[in-house]
Protein backbone atom coordinates (compact mmCIF):
# COMPACT_ATOMS: atom_id res chain seq x y z
CA UNK A 1 24.78 -141.37 -41.34
CA UNK A 2 26.59 -144.48 -41.07
CA UNK A 3 29.20 -145.68 -38.51
CA UNK A 4 31.75 -144.95 -40.71
CA UNK A 5 30.70 -141.47 -41.81
CA UNK A 6 30.51 -140.53 -38.45
CA UNK A 7 34.05 -141.67 -37.78
CA UNK A 8 34.91 -139.88 -40.31
CA UNK A 9 33.43 -136.66 -39.58
CA UNK A 10 34.62 -136.97 -35.82
CA UNK A 11 38.18 -137.37 -36.78
CA UNK A 12 37.79 -134.26 -39.29
CA UNK A 13 36.66 -131.79 -36.54
CA UNK A 14 39.46 -133.54 -34.05
CA UNK A 15 41.92 -133.04 -36.44
CA UNK A 16 40.37 -128.96 -36.99
CA UNK A 17 40.43 -128.43 -33.64
CA UNK A 18 43.70 -130.07 -32.68
CA UNK A 19 45.54 -128.31 -35.81
CA UNK A 20 48.62 -126.49 -35.27
CA UNK A 21 48.63 -124.80 -38.77
CA UNK A 22 45.70 -122.20 -37.34
CA UNK A 23 43.96 -120.16 -33.99
CA UNK A 24 40.73 -121.52 -33.52
CA UNK A 25 39.11 -119.50 -30.71
CA UNK A 26 35.10 -119.71 -29.80
CA UNK A 27 33.18 -117.36 -27.66
CA UNK A 28 30.00 -116.95 -25.65
CA UNK A 29 27.26 -114.71 -27.06
CA UNK A 30 28.73 -112.56 -24.04
CA UNK A 31 32.17 -112.69 -25.84
CA UNK A 32 34.01 -115.07 -23.30
CA UNK A 33 36.80 -117.77 -24.71
CA UNK A 34 34.85 -121.24 -24.39
CA UNK A 35 37.40 -122.78 -26.62
CA UNK A 36 40.79 -122.57 -27.64
CA UNK A 37 42.30 -125.11 -29.82
CA UNK A 38 45.71 -126.15 -30.16
CA UNK A 39 46.86 -123.60 -33.06
CA UNK A 40 45.54 -121.15 -30.59
CA UNK A 41 48.33 -121.92 -28.18
CA UNK A 42 50.94 -122.69 -30.04
CA UNK A 43 50.66 -118.83 -31.41
CA UNK A 44 49.54 -116.99 -28.34
CA UNK A 45 51.59 -119.41 -25.65
CA UNK A 46 48.78 -119.63 -23.66
CA UNK A 47 46.94 -123.19 -22.50
CA UNK A 48 43.52 -123.40 -22.78
CA UNK A 49 42.69 -123.72 -19.03
CA UNK A 50 44.28 -119.91 -18.23
CA UNK A 51 41.96 -118.50 -20.82
CA UNK A 52 38.51 -120.60 -21.14
CA UNK A 53 35.78 -118.83 -19.72
CA UNK A 54 38.38 -116.22 -18.13
CA UNK A 55 39.22 -113.55 -20.73
CA UNK A 56 37.96 -112.18 -24.08
CA UNK A 57 39.54 -112.29 -27.47
CA UNK A 58 40.00 -108.65 -27.21
CA UNK A 59 42.10 -109.19 -23.86
CA UNK A 60 44.98 -110.46 -26.52
CA UNK A 61 44.74 -107.73 -29.01
CA UNK A 62 46.46 -104.42 -29.37
CA UNK A 63 44.48 -102.39 -27.16
CA UNK A 64 45.00 -99.59 -29.19
CA UNK A 65 43.72 -101.45 -32.37
CA UNK A 66 40.71 -102.60 -30.86
CA UNK A 67 39.86 -98.89 -29.95
CA UNK A 68 40.29 -97.86 -33.75
CA UNK A 69 38.55 -100.46 -34.89
CA UNK A 70 35.42 -99.33 -32.88
CA UNK A 71 36.22 -95.41 -33.74
CA UNK A 72 35.92 -96.53 -37.17
CA UNK A 73 32.97 -98.83 -36.91
CA UNK A 74 31.35 -95.81 -35.15
CA UNK A 75 31.72 -93.58 -38.19
CA UNK A 76 30.83 -96.08 -40.51
CA UNK A 77 27.73 -97.34 -39.34
CA UNK A 78 26.53 -94.00 -37.46
CA UNK A 79 26.07 -95.60 -34.03
CA UNK A 80 28.32 -95.91 -30.93
CA UNK A 81 30.42 -98.32 -31.09
CA UNK A 82 32.22 -99.81 -27.76
CA UNK A 83 36.03 -100.91 -27.40
CA UNK A 84 36.60 -104.16 -26.30
CA UNK A 85 34.97 -107.73 -28.36
CA UNK A 86 31.89 -105.68 -29.18
CA UNK A 87 34.02 -104.05 -31.99
CA UNK A 88 35.38 -107.39 -33.13
CA UNK A 89 32.49 -108.64 -33.24
CA UNK A 90 29.56 -106.41 -34.29
CA UNK A 91 29.21 -106.94 -37.79
CA UNK A 92 29.17 -110.60 -37.40
CA UNK A 93 26.38 -110.11 -34.93
CA UNK A 94 24.28 -108.66 -37.33
CA UNK A 95 25.23 -111.86 -40.05
CA UNK A 96 27.70 -109.68 -42.00
CA UNK A 97 31.31 -112.24 -41.81
CA UNK A 98 34.34 -110.11 -41.09
CA UNK A 99 37.45 -110.01 -41.56
CA UNK A 100 40.46 -108.26 -40.63
CA UNK A 101 44.24 -107.50 -39.71
CA UNK A 102 45.10 -107.02 -36.57
CA UNK A 103 47.99 -107.85 -33.73
CA UNK A 104 48.24 -110.58 -31.47
CA UNK A 105 49.69 -110.43 -28.25
CA UNK A 106 51.51 -113.63 -26.65
CA UNK A 107 51.67 -114.45 -22.72
CA UNK A 108 55.23 -113.29 -22.96
CA UNK A 109 54.36 -110.08 -23.93
CA UNK A 110 55.55 -110.17 -27.44
CA UNK A 111 53.52 -109.54 -30.98
CA UNK A 112 53.22 -110.67 -34.16
CA UNK A 113 50.57 -109.77 -36.71
CA UNK A 114 47.30 -111.71 -37.59
CA UNK A 115 45.01 -112.38 -39.83
CA UNK A 116 41.35 -113.19 -38.11
CA UNK A 117 38.00 -113.74 -39.26
CA UNK A 118 34.96 -113.40 -37.24
CA UNK A 119 31.67 -115.59 -37.81
CA UNK A 120 28.11 -115.38 -35.27
CA UNK A 121 27.36 -118.50 -34.38
CA UNK A 122 23.36 -119.25 -33.80
CA UNK A 123 20.92 -121.75 -32.30
CA UNK A 124 18.60 -123.14 -33.49
CA UNK A 125 15.88 -120.61 -32.94
CA UNK A 126 18.33 -118.11 -34.99
CA UNK A 127 19.74 -116.51 -32.17
CA UNK A 128 23.41 -115.49 -32.08
CA UNK A 129 25.11 -118.32 -28.98
CA UNK A 130 28.48 -117.35 -29.56
CA UNK A 131 30.90 -116.39 -32.16
CA UNK A 132 34.01 -118.33 -34.04
CA UNK A 133 37.33 -116.64 -34.12
CA UNK A 134 39.91 -118.19 -36.82
CA UNK A 135 43.22 -116.64 -37.08
CA UNK A 136 46.48 -117.27 -39.07
CA UNK A 137 49.65 -115.93 -38.63
CA UNK A 138 50.45 -113.25 -40.85
CA UNK A 139 54.40 -112.29 -39.95
CA UNK A 140 55.74 -113.84 -43.60
CA UNK A 141 53.05 -111.40 -44.77
CA UNK A 142 54.08 -108.19 -43.46
CA UNK A 143 57.59 -109.10 -43.84
CA UNK A 144 57.38 -109.62 -47.87
CA UNK A 145 54.92 -106.24 -47.35
CA UNK A 146 57.90 -104.48 -45.88
CA UNK A 147 60.74 -105.71 -48.19
CA UNK A 148 58.83 -104.46 -51.15
CA UNK A 149 58.01 -101.18 -49.94
CA UNK A 150 61.81 -100.82 -49.02
CA UNK A 151 62.78 -102.17 -52.74
CA UNK A 152 59.94 -99.18 -54.03
CA UNK A 153 61.48 -96.59 -51.68
CA UNK A 154 65.05 -97.74 -52.92
CA UNK A 155 64.06 -97.53 -56.47
CA UNK A 156 62.39 -94.42 -56.34
CA UNK A 157 65.31 -92.86 -54.62
CA UNK A 158 67.26 -94.43 -57.43
CA UNK A 159 65.47 -92.55 -60.15
CA UNK A 160 65.50 -89.21 -58.71
CA UNK A 161 69.35 -89.62 -57.44
CA UNK A 162 69.63 -90.66 -62.12
CA UNK A 163 67.19 -87.85 -62.72
CA UNK A 164 69.44 -85.09 -60.21
CA UNK A 165 72.72 -86.68 -61.98
CA UNK A 166 71.48 -86.32 -65.85
CA UNK A 167 70.16 -82.76 -65.10
CA UNK A 168 73.49 -81.75 -63.75
CA UNK A 169 75.60 -83.76 -66.67
CA UNK A 170 73.83 -82.25 -69.07
CA UNK A 171 74.58 -78.86 -67.46
CA UNK A 172 78.35 -80.04 -67.37
CA UNK A 173 78.26 -81.61 -70.88
CA UNK A 174 76.83 -79.16 -72.63
CA UNK A 175 79.17 -76.07 -70.81
CA UNK A 176 82.30 -77.64 -73.15
CA UNK A 177 80.36 -78.74 -75.72
CA UNK A 178 79.17 -74.65 -76.35
CA UNK A 179 82.83 -74.48 -76.69
CA UNK A 180 83.58 -76.53 -79.07
CA UNK A 181 81.03 -75.27 -81.53
CA UNK A 182 81.71 -72.03 -80.34
CA UNK A 183 85.34 -72.12 -81.41
CA UNK A 184 84.23 -74.29 -84.74
CA UNK A 185 82.59 -72.05 -86.36
CA UNK A 186 84.91 -69.06 -85.63
CA UNK A 187 87.95 -70.49 -87.12
CA UNK A 188 84.72 -72.06 -90.30
CA UNK A 189 83.97 -68.26 -90.81
CA UNK A 190 87.37 -66.61 -90.08
CA UNK A 191 89.78 -64.93 -92.20
CA UNK A 192 91.60 -66.42 -94.45
CA UNK A 193 88.72 -68.97 -95.34
CA UNK A 194 89.54 -72.66 -94.04
CA UNK A 195 91.26 -74.90 -96.70
CA UNK A 196 89.07 -77.78 -98.59
CA UNK A 197 90.39 -79.76 -96.26
CA UNK A 198 90.06 -78.14 -92.82
CA UNK A 199 86.25 -77.44 -93.76
CA UNK A 200 85.49 -81.19 -94.09
CA UNK A 201 87.11 -81.58 -90.84
CA UNK A 202 85.28 -78.19 -89.04
CA UNK A 203 81.77 -79.72 -90.86
CA UNK A 204 82.76 -82.91 -88.93
CA UNK A 205 83.12 -81.54 -85.99
CA UNK A 206 80.14 -79.34 -86.30
CA UNK A 207 78.33 -81.97 -87.60
CA UNK A 208 78.69 -84.29 -84.39
CA UNK A 209 78.88 -81.21 -81.88
CA UNK A 210 75.05 -80.51 -83.04
CA UNK A 211 74.15 -84.04 -82.91
CA UNK A 212 75.10 -84.56 -79.45
CA UNK A 213 74.00 -81.45 -78.22
CA UNK A 214 70.44 -82.88 -79.33
CA UNK A 215 71.07 -86.00 -77.57
CA UNK A 216 72.02 -84.42 -74.22
CA UNK A 217 68.47 -82.54 -74.76
CA UNK A 218 66.40 -85.74 -75.39
CA UNK A 219 67.53 -87.55 -72.54
CA UNK A 220 67.43 -84.59 -70.46
CA UNK A 221 64.19 -84.51 -71.52
CA UNK A 222 63.23 -88.31 -70.93
CA UNK A 223 65.15 -88.07 -67.90
CA UNK A 224 62.54 -85.85 -66.60
CA UNK A 225 58.97 -87.48 -67.54
CA UNK A 226 60.54 -90.98 -66.30
CA UNK A 227 60.75 -88.73 -63.00
CA UNK A 228 57.09 -87.26 -63.31
CA UNK A 229 58.79 -83.39 -63.00
CA UNK A 230 56.71 -82.71 -66.02
CA UNK A 231 54.16 -80.69 -65.10
CA UNK A 232 51.07 -81.04 -67.99
CA UNK A 233 47.93 -78.51 -67.93
CA UNK A 234 44.85 -80.99 -69.38
CA UNK A 235 42.41 -78.98 -70.87
CA UNK A 236 40.28 -78.71 -74.12
CA UNK A 237 42.54 -78.91 -77.01
CA UNK A 238 41.20 -77.90 -80.60
CA UNK A 239 42.87 -80.60 -82.51
CA UNK A 240 42.03 -78.84 -86.19
CA UNK A 241 44.30 -75.43 -84.10
CA UNK A 242 47.08 -78.04 -83.14
CA UNK A 243 46.91 -80.00 -86.30
CA UNK A 244 47.55 -76.60 -88.65
CA UNK A 245 50.24 -75.33 -86.13
CA UNK A 246 52.13 -78.51 -86.86
CA UNK A 247 51.55 -78.69 -90.90
CA UNK A 248 53.05 -75.26 -90.82
CA UNK A 249 55.95 -76.60 -89.08
CA UNK A 250 56.45 -79.94 -91.09
CA UNK A 251 55.55 -79.27 -94.62
CA UNK A 252 58.77 -77.11 -95.21
CA UNK A 253 60.85 -80.62 -94.53
CA UNK A 254 58.40 -82.50 -96.27
CA UNK A 255 58.62 -80.29 -99.65
CA UNK A 256 62.96 -80.81 -99.12
CA UNK A 257 62.52 -84.17 -99.67
CA UNK A 258 59.81 -84.30 -102.67
CA UNK A 259 57.22 -86.25 -100.02
CA UNK A 260 53.24 -85.39 -100.69
CA UNK A 261 51.55 -85.19 -97.53
CA UNK A 262 47.41 -85.02 -96.94
CA UNK A 263 46.31 -84.10 -93.41
CA UNK A 264 42.32 -84.27 -92.29
CA UNK A 265 39.93 -81.32 -92.99
CA UNK A 266 37.64 -80.25 -89.82
CA UNK A 267 34.18 -79.97 -90.81
CA UNK A 268 33.05 -78.81 -87.35
CA UNK A 269 35.21 -78.50 -84.24
CA UNK A 270 36.93 -81.16 -82.28
CA UNK A 271 38.49 -81.04 -78.88
CA UNK A 272 40.91 -83.69 -77.13
CA UNK A 273 41.48 -83.57 -73.71
CA UNK A 274 45.46 -83.23 -73.47
CA UNK A 275 48.50 -80.42 -72.73
CA UNK A 276 48.25 -78.32 -75.98
CA UNK A 277 52.30 -78.25 -75.84
CA UNK A 278 53.28 -81.66 -75.12
CA UNK A 279 50.53 -83.25 -77.93
CA UNK A 280 52.12 -80.89 -80.57
CA UNK A 281 55.11 -82.12 -79.72
CA UNK A 282 54.22 -86.12 -79.71
CA UNK A 283 52.33 -84.61 -83.39
CA UNK A 284 55.73 -83.32 -84.61
CA UNK A 285 57.66 -86.28 -83.67
CA UNK A 286 55.25 -88.95 -85.33
CA UNK A 287 55.23 -86.42 -88.25
CA UNK A 288 58.92 -85.90 -88.11
CA UNK A 289 59.73 -89.88 -88.51
CA UNK A 290 57.39 -90.22 -91.27
CA UNK A 291 59.32 -88.07 -93.59
CA UNK A 292 62.50 -89.00 -92.31
CA UNK A 293 62.04 -92.41 -92.77
CA UNK A 294 60.22 -92.40 -96.14
CA UNK A 295 61.44 -93.01 -99.40
CA UNK A 296 62.03 -90.33 -102.16
CA UNK A 297 58.69 -88.82 -103.69
CA UNK A 298 56.82 -90.90 -101.00
CA UNK A 299 53.51 -89.68 -98.67
CA UNK A 300 52.20 -89.51 -95.92
CA UNK A 301 48.66 -89.10 -94.63
CA UNK A 302 47.40 -87.84 -91.54
CA UNK A 303 43.73 -89.68 -90.90
CA UNK A 304 41.35 -88.65 -87.34
CA UNK A 305 39.09 -91.03 -87.34
CA UNK A 306 36.47 -91.76 -84.20
CA UNK A 307 37.60 -94.82 -81.73
CA UNK A 308 35.86 -96.47 -78.61
CA UNK A 309 35.15 -94.62 -74.97
CA UNK A 310 34.50 -91.69 -76.07
CA UNK A 311 37.85 -91.24 -78.10
CA UNK A 312 39.76 -90.26 -81.28
CA UNK A 313 42.68 -91.71 -82.64
CA UNK A 314 45.16 -89.88 -84.76
CA UNK A 315 47.14 -92.05 -87.72
CA UNK A 316 50.26 -91.13 -89.83
CA UNK A 317 50.39 -93.17 -92.62
CA UNK A 318 53.92 -93.00 -94.47
CA UNK A 319 54.81 -95.38 -97.72
CA UNK A 320 58.25 -96.35 -96.32
CA UNK A 321 60.32 -99.25 -96.57
CA UNK A 322 58.26 -100.64 -93.61
CA UNK A 323 59.34 -102.89 -90.16
CA UNK A 324 59.76 -106.64 -89.59
CA UNK A 325 57.86 -108.05 -86.86
CA UNK A 326 61.23 -108.29 -84.49
CA UNK A 327 61.51 -104.87 -85.11
CA UNK A 328 58.06 -103.65 -84.08
CA UNK A 329 58.63 -105.69 -80.74
CA UNK A 330 61.25 -103.51 -80.03
CA UNK A 331 59.65 -100.01 -80.79
CA UNK A 332 59.50 -97.73 -77.55
CA UNK A 333 62.71 -98.62 -75.96
CA UNK A 334 65.45 -96.03 -75.49
CA UNK A 335 68.14 -95.16 -77.71
CA UNK A 336 66.94 -97.96 -79.63
CA UNK A 337 66.68 -97.34 -83.51
CA UNK A 338 65.66 -100.58 -84.91
CA UNK A 339 68.51 -100.83 -87.18
CA UNK A 340 68.70 -97.38 -88.58
CA UNK A 341 71.66 -96.56 -87.03
CA UNK A 342 73.58 -97.28 -90.33
CA UNK A 343 71.36 -95.32 -92.61
CA UNK A 344 72.06 -91.61 -93.66
CA UNK A 345 69.54 -90.07 -90.59
CA UNK A 346 70.68 -89.11 -87.79
CA UNK A 347 68.49 -89.52 -84.58
CA UNK A 348 68.99 -90.37 -81.05
CA UNK A 349 65.83 -93.74 -80.31
CA UNK A 350 64.32 -91.31 -77.99
CA UNK A 351 61.72 -89.44 -79.36
CA UNK A 352 59.36 -92.10 -79.20
CA UNK A 353 59.73 -93.40 -75.68
CA UNK A 354 58.65 -89.93 -74.85
CA UNK A 355 55.94 -89.48 -77.34
CA UNK A 356 54.81 -92.57 -75.44
CA UNK A 357 54.91 -91.60 -71.65
CA UNK A 358 53.90 -88.37 -72.48
CA UNK A 359 50.23 -89.63 -74.05
CA UNK A 360 50.02 -92.12 -71.58
CA UNK A 361 50.20 -89.26 -69.14
CA UNK A 362 47.61 -87.72 -71.21
CA UNK A 363 45.65 -90.54 -70.55
CA UNK A 364 45.88 -91.71 -74.04
CA UNK A 365 47.56 -94.35 -75.97
CA UNK A 366 49.95 -94.98 -78.95
CA UNK A 367 50.34 -98.06 -81.25
CA UNK A 368 51.46 -98.87 -84.68
CA UNK A 369 51.44 -101.10 -87.32
CA UNK A 370 53.68 -102.21 -89.80
CA UNK A 371 54.14 -104.18 -93.40
CA UNK A 372 57.40 -104.75 -94.79
CA UNK A 373 57.73 -102.82 -98.59
CA UNK A 374 54.19 -101.34 -97.75
CA UNK A 375 54.87 -98.33 -94.73
CA UNK A 376 53.73 -97.62 -91.39
CA UNK A 377 51.21 -96.70 -89.41
CA UNK A 378 51.40 -94.79 -86.15
CA UNK A 379 48.58 -93.67 -84.04
CA UNK A 380 47.89 -92.10 -80.91
CA UNK A 381 44.35 -92.11 -79.39
CA UNK A 382 42.85 -89.44 -76.80
CA UNK A 383 39.63 -88.65 -74.81
CA UNK A 384 37.17 -85.74 -76.67
CA UNK A 385 36.64 -82.98 -74.29
CA UNK A 386 33.63 -80.57 -74.76
CA UNK A 387 34.60 -77.80 -76.40
CA UNK A 388 35.55 -74.64 -74.32
CA UNK A 389 33.13 -71.89 -74.42
CA UNK A 390 35.01 -69.75 -75.61
CA UNK A 391 36.99 -71.75 -77.83
CA UNK A 392 33.89 -72.81 -79.89
CA UNK A 393 34.05 -69.71 -82.81
CA UNK A 394 37.68 -69.55 -82.72
CA UNK A 395 37.97 -73.61 -83.56
CA UNK A 396 35.58 -73.20 -86.34
CA UNK A 397 38.22 -70.20 -87.67
CA UNK A 398 40.74 -73.09 -87.41
CA UNK A 399 38.92 -75.76 -88.86
CA UNK A 400 39.53 -74.53 -92.29
CA UNK A 401 42.19 -75.92 -94.50
CA UNK A 402 44.77 -72.48 -94.54
CA UNK A 403 44.56 -69.82 -91.75
CA UNK A 404 42.46 -66.51 -92.95
CA UNK A 405 44.31 -63.11 -93.35
CA UNK A 406 43.95 -60.55 -95.19
CA UNK A 407 45.13 -61.03 -98.49
CA UNK A 408 48.79 -60.44 -99.65
CA UNK A 409 49.55 -60.02 -95.89
CA UNK A 410 52.69 -62.65 -95.02
CA UNK A 411 52.29 -64.41 -91.34
CA UNK A 412 54.89 -63.86 -89.22
CA UNK A 413 55.73 -66.18 -86.71
CA UNK A 414 56.54 -65.61 -82.84
CA UNK A 415 57.71 -68.70 -80.77
CA UNK A 416 57.11 -68.27 -77.11
CA UNK A 417 58.94 -70.90 -74.53
CA UNK A 418 56.80 -70.24 -71.18
CA UNK A 419 55.72 -73.84 -68.63
CA UNK A 420 53.25 -71.64 -67.60
CA UNK A 421 49.96 -72.47 -69.15
CA UNK A 422 48.55 -68.81 -67.74
CA UNK A 423 51.55 -66.94 -69.17
CA UNK A 424 51.32 -68.75 -72.34
CA UNK A 425 47.29 -67.97 -72.92
CA UNK A 426 47.83 -64.33 -71.96
CA UNK A 427 50.38 -64.00 -74.91
CA UNK A 428 48.60 -65.63 -77.68
CA UNK A 429 45.88 -63.55 -77.01
CA UNK A 430 47.32 -60.58 -77.12
CA UNK A 431 49.53 -61.81 -80.26
CA UNK A 432 45.98 -62.76 -81.27
CA UNK A 433 45.40 -59.11 -81.85
CA UNK A 434 47.92 -59.03 -84.76
CA UNK A 435 46.20 -61.11 -87.81
CA UNK A 436 49.94 -60.99 -89.18
CA UNK A 437 51.03 -62.94 -86.54
CA UNK A 438 50.85 -66.48 -85.53
CA UNK A 439 52.15 -68.08 -82.21
CA UNK A 440 53.58 -70.99 -81.36
CA UNK A 441 54.30 -72.24 -77.65
CA UNK A 442 56.99 -74.66 -75.67
CA UNK A 443 56.91 -75.27 -72.73
CA UNK A 444 60.37 -75.93 -72.11
CA UNK A 445 63.74 -74.98 -73.97
CA UNK A 446 65.00 -78.55 -75.20
CA UNK A 447 61.35 -78.38 -77.13
CA UNK A 448 61.87 -74.28 -77.85
CA UNK A 449 65.42 -75.54 -79.50
CA UNK A 450 63.44 -78.23 -81.28
CA UNK A 451 60.50 -75.72 -82.60
CA UNK A 452 63.11 -72.31 -83.52
CA UNK A 453 65.14 -75.01 -85.91
CA UNK A 454 62.79 -76.74 -87.51
CA UNK A 455 59.97 -73.70 -88.18
CA UNK A 456 62.53 -70.28 -87.77
CA UNK A 457 60.25 -68.56 -86.30
CA UNK A 458 60.97 -63.99 -86.54
CA UNK A 459 61.20 -63.43 -83.29
CA UNK A 460 61.51 -66.18 -79.53
CA UNK A 461 59.87 -65.33 -76.53
CA UNK A 462 61.94 -66.99 -73.62
CA UNK A 463 61.08 -67.55 -69.59
CA UNK A 464 63.86 -67.57 -67.77
CA UNK A 465 63.11 -69.94 -65.58
CA UNK A 466 62.18 -73.11 -67.10
CA UNK A 467 62.22 -76.95 -66.18
CA UNK A 468 64.98 -78.41 -67.71
CA UNK A 469 67.82 -76.43 -69.28
CA UNK A 470 67.39 -72.84 -68.26
CA UNK A 471 66.04 -70.21 -70.40
CA UNK A 472 69.65 -68.30 -70.69
CA UNK A 473 71.15 -71.81 -71.14
CA UNK A 474 68.55 -72.23 -74.57
CA UNK A 475 69.78 -68.85 -75.78
CA UNK A 476 72.99 -69.24 -75.88
CA UNK A 477 72.09 -72.29 -77.41
CA UNK A 478 70.25 -71.17 -80.17
CA UNK A 479 73.37 -68.34 -80.42
CA UNK A 480 75.33 -71.10 -80.97
CA UNK A 481 73.58 -72.68 -83.84
CA UNK A 482 73.69 -71.10 -87.11
CA UNK A 483 70.40 -71.95 -88.27
CA UNK A 484 68.94 -69.68 -85.32
CA UNK A 485 71.56 -67.57 -84.29
CA UNK A 486 70.21 -64.38 -86.08
CA UNK A 487 66.78 -65.06 -84.33
CA UNK A 488 65.82 -62.19 -81.82
CA UNK A 489 65.28 -63.71 -78.55
CA UNK A 490 63.24 -61.77 -76.12
CA UNK A 491 63.48 -62.57 -72.08
CA UNK A 492 60.42 -62.95 -70.20
CA UNK A 493 61.01 -63.08 -66.50
CA UNK A 494 59.41 -61.82 -62.92
CA UNK A 495 63.05 -61.37 -62.10
CA UNK A 496 63.20 -57.73 -61.88
CA UNK A 497 66.76 -56.92 -60.30
CA UNK A 498 68.67 -54.79 -62.59
CA UNK A 499 71.58 -56.36 -62.30
CA UNK A 500 70.49 -59.90 -63.10
CA UNK A 501 68.90 -57.87 -66.03
CA UNK A 502 72.13 -56.42 -67.50
CA UNK A 503 73.73 -59.88 -66.61
CA UNK A 504 70.86 -61.74 -69.23
CA UNK A 505 71.04 -58.72 -71.86
CA UNK A 506 75.10 -58.39 -71.81
CA UNK A 507 74.34 -62.87 -72.47
CA UNK A 508 73.09 -62.42 -75.61
CA UNK A 509 69.28 -61.70 -75.55
CA UNK A 510 67.63 -58.89 -77.48
CA UNK A 511 65.29 -57.47 -75.14
CA UNK A 512 63.98 -58.09 -71.35
CA UNK A 513 61.06 -57.74 -70.35
CA UNK A 514 59.51 -57.94 -66.98
CA UNK A 515 55.93 -59.69 -65.72
CA UNK A 516 53.43 -58.92 -64.92
CA UNK A 517 53.60 -58.08 -68.64
CA UNK A 518 52.88 -54.21 -69.89
CA UNK A 519 50.90 -54.53 -73.34
CA UNK A 520 52.14 -51.35 -74.42
CA UNK A 521 55.93 -52.33 -73.45
CA UNK A 522 55.50 -55.73 -74.97
CA UNK A 523 53.80 -54.54 -78.40
CA UNK A 524 56.83 -52.05 -78.79
CA UNK A 525 59.04 -54.31 -78.12
CA UNK A 526 58.19 -57.25 -80.15
CA UNK A 527 57.30 -54.67 -83.12
CA UNK A 528 61.46 -53.18 -82.60
CA UNK A 529 62.31 -56.98 -82.82
CA UNK A 530 59.91 -57.84 -85.60
CA UNK A 531 61.60 -54.63 -87.55
CA UNK A 532 65.14 -55.54 -86.90
CA UNK A 533 64.22 -59.54 -87.84
CA UNK A 534 62.68 -57.98 -91.58
CA UNK A 535 66.36 -56.09 -91.93
CA UNK A 536 67.93 -59.56 -91.22
CA UNK A 537 66.55 -61.10 -93.89
CA UNK A 538 67.05 -58.31 -96.34
CA UNK A 539 70.36 -58.50 -95.58
């Protein structure tokens, strides 16, 4: 080594030892401090003379933290570790460089958080001759973490407040809106009938009122999803089964608009890991959009293709006008209808946002491609699941293009609005005993209202304690809507208080059944409601 190089090396070593930016503490093999640099003096308030050959680094650390570190090492290594410097240096002595966050205690008793790394120093024979501790003040980082934690807590609190506000406002807005829609319908159907000009005005009031009600319901649904209050039941869901149910709901809409639809055939059972009700909600939303924004006489093709990582992709290909690159960038934004606000089709701009959140909560992905003048393809990707042992045979039957029913038998639909998966499963099995009946499930009141309007079931079974809007509120909305007012609604509730049952019946429920369900009573009430529905159809 040349004299110049040696001089530079010594200067560098001296600069390190005298640096005030970080502390350097060296000990002997017993853990007694032998070197205490200028940075350590500045951080800790001691002079080197006060600590060298006198104390151990554990004496200037928080003793509770040193003891906690000893306990943690004892559990990790299944070896008793004594508190003190041994706990700080244990890993380093075994050739494992270690770093940790502990609290330093200054000479004046004040404390500050520090990041410390510790390395064993060895002699020529490999034996440990001491330890080197390099520390940095961690106060700034801790302050930033504290600010971030406070900001996250404030954001969470604000989000909860927003959800509570939206839930309360939803109820407050719905109450006067029900009166507006109710009296408008009374005027529309009154005697003598309204004059043509009055009829047009009433039509505008009702149209705007129903749209506003839909908007309120979708805002509440979005708020519940974003707040994390939506409960999902992840289970193997038969894709063929769900697709058949969606097809039954959507094809009447497509036929009205002259839209041709094609669905995939499932030669073998296919199950996805999802919440049955929520995945159906997503599929129906994408199918509705593919029909709504299609061209007259257009087509919609539903395709299922294997994807990477044990997943399946479900695509919805339409022959609509397509979307520009700018519009594609704005997909999945709340209330953004991508310039369709002035078009003939009404909408809220919320459905896709809710669909995206639900798909992601189920561990899936959603996306789209589009070409102007050709059309768009929206897709969701879900993880495949093993078939449940008791569900394989049912799935094989569902894989047929149409459900098998006795020849000449008209299939009648029962809608069950219930957020408890076990209750849904029970009623579904009861309904399955009747080959002429088909059940749809909805996990909350808003979704139940949407299904009732789209599918026109013969009977609705309604739980009263639902997330979002209650079963009574959902029933009142359906009663106020001319398209669903005729459908008998049976309340299913665990509340057996006679006064509450009477109130529910007076509010407009066709019947009231208490849980646990008595099968004979349930079937009798269902038959009575189906008979009532059939008589309404004949009338």
